[in-house]
C-alpha atoms as a PDB file:
ATOM      1  CA  UNK A   1      31.607  53.728  94.390  1.00  0.00           C
ATOM      2  CA  UNK A   2      33.430  52.790  91.220  1.00  0.00           C
ATOM      3  CA  UNK A   3      35.210  55.381  89.106  1.00  0.00           C
ATOM      4  CA  UNK A   4      33.773  56.306  85.744  1.00  0.00           C
ATOM      5  CA  UNK A   5      35.933  58.014  83.151  1.00  0.00           C
ATOM      6  CA  UNK A   6      34.628  61.177  81.519  1.00  0.00           C
ATOM      7  CA  UNK A   7      36.095  63.548  78.970  1.00  0.00           C
ATOM      8  CA  UNK A   8      36.329  67.305  78.717  1.00  0.00           C
ATOM      9  CA  UNK A   9      37.033  69.220  75.522  1.00  0.00           C
ATOM     10  CA  UNK A  10      39.589  71.871  76.451  1.00  0.00           C
ATOM     11  CA  UNK A  11      41.016  74.545  74.154  1.00  0.00           C
ATOM     12  CA  UNK A  12      44.227  72.460  74.010  1.00  0.00           C
ATOM     13  CA  UNK A  13      42.767  69.017  73.443  1.00  0.00           C
ATOM     14  CA  UNK A  14      40.854  66.305  75.232  1.00  0.00           C
ATOM     15  CA  UNK A  15      41.154  65.861  78.971  1.00  0.00           C
ATOM     16  CA  UNK A  16      39.808  62.760  80.679  1.00  0.00           C
ATOM     17  CA  UNK A  17      39.238  62.148  84.352  1.00  0.00           C
ATOM     18  CA  UNK A  18      38.045  59.439  86.702  1.00  0.00           C
ATOM     19  CA  UNK A  19      35.169  60.515  88.943  1.00  0.00           C
ATOM     20  CA  UNK A  20      33.269  58.257  91.354  1.00  0.00           C
ATOM     21  CA  UNK A  21      30.623  60.711  92.499  1.00  0.00           C
ATOM     22  CA  UNK A  22      32.710  61.649  95.536  1.00  0.00           C
ATOM     23  CA  UNK A  23      36.215  62.476  94.308  1.00  0.00           C
ATOM     24  CA  UNK A  24      38.511  62.612  91.302  1.00  0.00           C
ATOM     25  CA  UNK A  25      41.185  59.915  91.389  1.00  0.00           C
ATOM     26  CA  UNK A  26      42.949  60.469  88.077  1.00  0.00           C
ATOM     27  CA  UNK A  27      43.198  62.988  85.267  1.00  0.00           C
ATOM     28  CA  UNK A  28      44.744  62.453  81.819  1.00  0.00           C
ATOM     29  CA  UNK A  29      45.588  65.138  79.315  1.00  0.00           C
ATOM     30  CA  UNK A  30      44.231  62.826  76.624  1.00  0.00           C
ATOM     31  CA  UNK A  31      41.181  60.669  76.086  1.00  0.00           C
ATOM     32  CA  UNK A  32      41.585  57.051  77.168  1.00  0.00           C
ATOM     33  CA  UNK A  33      39.633  54.553  75.063  1.00  0.00           C
ATOM     34  CA  UNK A  34      37.067  53.923  77.796  1.00  0.00           C
ATOM     35  CA  UNK A  35      36.081  57.577  78.230  1.00  0.00           C
ATOM     36  CA  UNK A  36      32.381  58.247  78.530  1.00  0.00           C
ATOM     37  CA  UNK A  37      30.498  61.329  77.509  1.00  0.00           C
ATOM     38  CA  UNK A  38      30.971  64.618  79.260  1.00  0.00           C
ATOM     39  CA  UNK A  39      29.482  64.845  82.742  1.00  0.00           C
ATOM     40  CA  UNK A  40      28.172  67.596  84.991  1.00  0.00           C
ATOM     41  CA  UNK A  41      30.313  67.277  88.114  1.00  0.00           C
ATOM     42  CA  UNK A  42      32.754  69.335  90.199  1.00  0.00           C
ATOM     43  CA  UNK A  43      35.719  68.399  87.968  1.00  0.00           C
ATOM     44  CA  UNK A  44      33.984  69.750  84.874  1.00  0.00           C
ATOM     45  CA  UNK A  45      33.003  72.928  86.747  1.00  0.00           C
ATOM     46  CA  UNK A  46      36.626  73.429  87.846  1.00  0.00           C
ATOM     47  CA  UNK A  47      37.902  72.860  84.292  1.00  0.00           C
ATOM     48  CA  UNK A  48      35.328  75.343  82.940  1.00  0.00           C
ATOM     49  CA  UNK A  49      36.531  77.942  85.436  1.00  0.00           C
ATOM     50  CA  UNK A  50      40.209  77.213  84.780  1.00  0.00           C
ATOM     51  CA  UNK A  51      39.899  77.595  81.000  1.00  0.00           C
ATOM     52  CA  UNK A  52      37.949  80.844  81.335  1.00  0.00           C
ATOM     53  CA  UNK A  53      40.632  82.298  83.615  1.00  0.00           C
ATOM     54  CA  UNK A  54      38.503  82.203  86.745  1.00  0.00           C
ATOM     55  CA  UNK A  55      39.487  80.889  90.149  1.00  0.00           C
ATOM     56  CA  UNK A  56      37.469  78.055  91.600  1.00  0.00           C
ATOM     57  CA  UNK A  57      37.953  75.715  94.545  1.00  0.00           C
ATOM     58  CA  UNK A  58      39.405  72.362  93.592  1.00  0.00           C
ATOM     59  CA  UNK A  59      36.965  69.491  93.248  1.00  0.00           C
ATOM     60  CA  UNK A  60      37.313  66.739  95.852  1.00  0.00           C
ATOM     61  CA  UNK A  61      40.467  64.754  95.069  1.00  0.00           C
ATOM     62  CA  UNK A  62      41.507  61.249  96.037  1.00  0.00           C
ATOM     63  CA  UNK A  63      43.716  61.179  99.111  1.00  0.00           C
ATOM     64  CA  UNK A  64      47.451  60.994  98.328  1.00  0.00           C
ATOM     65  CA  UNK A  65      48.796  57.463  98.803  1.00  0.00           C
ATOM     66  CA  UNK A  66      51.934  58.348 100.757  1.00  0.00           C
ATOM     67  CA  UNK A  67      53.021  61.076 103.194  1.00  0.00           C
ATOM     68  CA  UNK A  68      55.529  62.312 100.590  1.00  0.00           C
ATOM     69  CA  UNK A  69      52.796  62.607  97.944  1.00  0.00           C
ATOM     70  CA  UNK A  70      50.706  64.567 100.436  1.00  0.00           C
ATOM     71  CA  UNK A  71      53.631  66.910 101.137  1.00  0.00           C
ATOM     72  CA  UNK A  72      54.331  67.296  97.405  1.00  0.00           C
ATOM     73  CA  UNK A  73      50.663  68.024  96.676  1.00  0.00           C
ATOM     74  CA  UNK A  74      50.617  70.760  99.323  1.00  0.00           C
ATOM     75  CA  UNK A  75      53.760  72.293  97.825  1.00  0.00           C
ATOM     76  CA  UNK A  76      52.340  72.259  94.305  1.00  0.00           C
ATOM     77  CA  UNK A  77      48.986  73.694  95.343  1.00  0.00           C
ATOM     78  CA  UNK A  78      50.775  76.605  97.025  1.00  0.00           C
ATOM     79  CA  UNK A  79      52.205  77.774  93.674  1.00  0.00           C
ATOM     80  CA  UNK A  80      49.979  80.510  92.287  1.00  0.00           C
ATOM     81  CA  UNK A  81      48.628  80.259  88.772  1.00  0.00           C
ATOM     82  CA  UNK A  82      50.970  81.987  86.354  1.00  0.00           C
ATOM     83  CA  UNK A  83      54.001  81.333  88.566  1.00  0.00           C
ATOM     84  CA  UNK A  84      56.658  78.640  88.397  1.00  0.00           C
ATOM     85  CA  UNK A  85      59.291  77.158  90.692  1.00  0.00           C
ATOM     86  CA  UNK A  86      62.357  75.173  89.775  1.00  0.00           C
ATOM     87  CA  UNK A  87      62.738  71.548  90.778  1.00  0.00           C
ATOM     88  CA  UNK A  88      65.494  72.686  93.149  1.00  0.00           C
ATOM     89  CA  UNK A  89      63.368  75.389  94.767  1.00  0.00           C
ATOM     90  CA  UNK A  90      60.443  73.068  95.455  1.00  0.00           C
ATOM     91  CA  UNK A  91      62.764  70.252  96.560  1.00  0.00           C
ATOM     92  CA  UNK A  92      64.390  72.620  99.080  1.00  0.00           C
ATOM     93  CA  UNK A  93      60.957  73.655 100.396  1.00  0.00           C
ATOM     94  CA  UNK A  94      59.962  70.001 100.791  1.00  0.00           C
ATOM     95  CA  UNK A  95      63.304  68.824 102.169  1.00  0.00           C
ATOM     96  CA  UNK A  96      64.032  66.356  99.367  1.00  0.00           C
ATOM     97  CA  UNK A  97      66.355  65.969  96.391  1.00  0.00           C
ATOM     98  CA  UNK A  98      65.393  67.529  93.040  1.00  0.00           C
ATOM     99  CA  UNK A  99      65.799  64.194  91.254  1.00  0.00           C
ATOM    100  CA  UNK A 100      63.475  62.397  93.706  1.00  0.00           C
ATOM    101  CA  UNK A 101      60.984  65.224  93.335  1.00  0.00           C
ATOM    102  CA  UNK A 102      61.124  64.943  89.542  1.00  0.00           C
ATOM    103  CA  UNK A 103      60.329  61.239  89.700  1.00  0.00           C
ATOM    104  CA  UNK A 104      57.397  61.864  92.032  1.00  0.00           C
ATOM    105  CA  UNK A 105      56.091  64.650  89.802  1.00  0.00           C
ATOM    106  CA  UNK A 106      56.196  62.299  86.823  1.00  0.00           C
ATOM    107  CA  UNK A 107      53.864  59.940  88.685  1.00  0.00           C
ATOM    108  CA  UNK A 108      51.321  62.638  89.628  1.00  0.00           C
ATOM    109  CA  UNK A 109      47.910  61.077  88.865  1.00  0.00           C
ATOM    110  CA  UNK A 110      46.172  64.473  88.818  1.00  0.00           C
ATOM    111  CA  UNK A 111      48.117  66.788  86.474  1.00  0.00           C
ATOM    112  CA  UNK A 112      46.545  70.210  86.027  1.00  0.00           C
ATOM    113  CA  UNK A 113      44.436  69.802  89.192  1.00  0.00           C
ATOM    114  CA  UNK A 114      47.656  69.301  91.183  1.00  0.00           C
ATOM    115  CA  UNK A 115      49.781  71.618  89.024  1.00  0.00           C
ATOM    116  CA  UNK A 116      53.048  69.759  88.444  1.00  0.00           C
ATOM    117  CA  UNK A 117      53.406  71.641  85.136  1.00  0.00           C
ATOM    118  CA  UNK A 118      54.448  74.719  87.183  1.00  0.00           C
ATOM    119  CA  UNK A 119      57.771  73.083  88.081  1.00  0.00           C
ATOM    120  CA  UNK A 120      60.550  73.884  85.622  1.00  0.00           C
ATOM    121  CA  UNK A 121      64.249  73.161  85.273  1.00  0.00           C
ATOM    122  CA  UNK A 122      66.750  75.739  86.473  1.00  0.00           C
ATOM    123  CA  UNK A 123      67.664  76.553  82.858  1.00  0.00           C
ATOM    124  CA  UNK A 124      64.724  75.456  80.761  1.00  0.00           C
ATOM    125  CA  UNK A 125      61.335  73.846  80.711  1.00  0.00           C
ATOM    126  CA  UNK A 126      62.172  70.504  82.289  1.00  0.00           C
ATOM    127  CA  UNK A 127      59.957  67.494  81.760  1.00  0.00           C
ATOM    128  CA  UNK A 128      56.262  66.745  81.980  1.00  0.00           C
ATOM    129  CA  UNK A 129      54.686  63.291  81.929  1.00  0.00           C
ATOM    130  CA  UNK A 130      51.874  64.571  79.691  1.00  0.00           C
ATOM    131  CA  UNK A 131      54.296  65.985  77.120  1.00  0.00           C
ATOM    132  CA  UNK A 132      56.083  69.271  76.666  1.00  0.00           C
ATOM    133  CA  UNK A 133      53.446  70.552  74.238  1.00  0.00           C
ATOM    134  CA  UNK A 134      50.866  70.463  77.043  1.00  0.00           C
ATOM    135  CA  UNK A 135      53.335  72.013  79.503  1.00  0.00           C
ATOM    136  CA  UNK A 136      54.157  74.912  77.149  1.00  0.00           C
ATOM    137  CA  UNK A 137      50.473  75.566  76.429  1.00  0.00           C
ATOM    138  CA  UNK A 138      49.434  75.475  80.087  1.00  0.00           C
ATOM    139  CA  UNK A 139      52.265  77.735  81.263  1.00  0.00           C
ATOM    140  CA  UNK A 140      51.654  80.244  78.454  1.00  0.00           C
ATOM    141  CA  UNK A 141      47.898  80.197  79.117  1.00  0.00           C
ATOM    142  CA  UNK A 142      48.387  80.759  82.845  1.00  0.00           C
ATOM    143  CA  UNK A 143      50.939  83.527  82.322  1.00  0.00           C
ATOM    144  CA  UNK A 144      48.603  85.353  79.960  1.00  0.00           C
ATOM    145  CA  UNK A 145      45.215  84.767  81.565  1.00  0.00           C
ATOM    146  CA  UNK A 146      45.686  84.632  85.308  1.00  0.00           C
ATOM    147  CA  UNK A 147      45.186  87.513  87.638  1.00  0.00           C
ATOM    148  CA  UNK A 148      48.508  87.986  89.412  1.00  0.00           C
END
């Protein structure tokens, strides 16, 4: 099946995602020009739950392309909502260098679903491929609205 791109109106702005009827292969914290109307699929249901502070199982996601991406995804998914880890802490858990981890996080095709925004610098916010405004909003939202 071919991916179609749909949008979701979140409290923080438009989110777009590629869904092929089986899995989500990409998510953007913006609306790409080819975005279609909103859909009724597992990604939308997960986003609805997320933005109402509820827990929900992840929708089916595309398989990571490399063993390292698979390892990184597992590490990120183990971080509870409302919590953060530093690049160094996650790198140590995964047996890699913080700089290499940062580069891999910047290429995460599924931000929010695979929560790379929960990784912060040792003394500050660090980076985020989708912009620091999104990172600040997501971290503040999770800290305030998630059951610990």
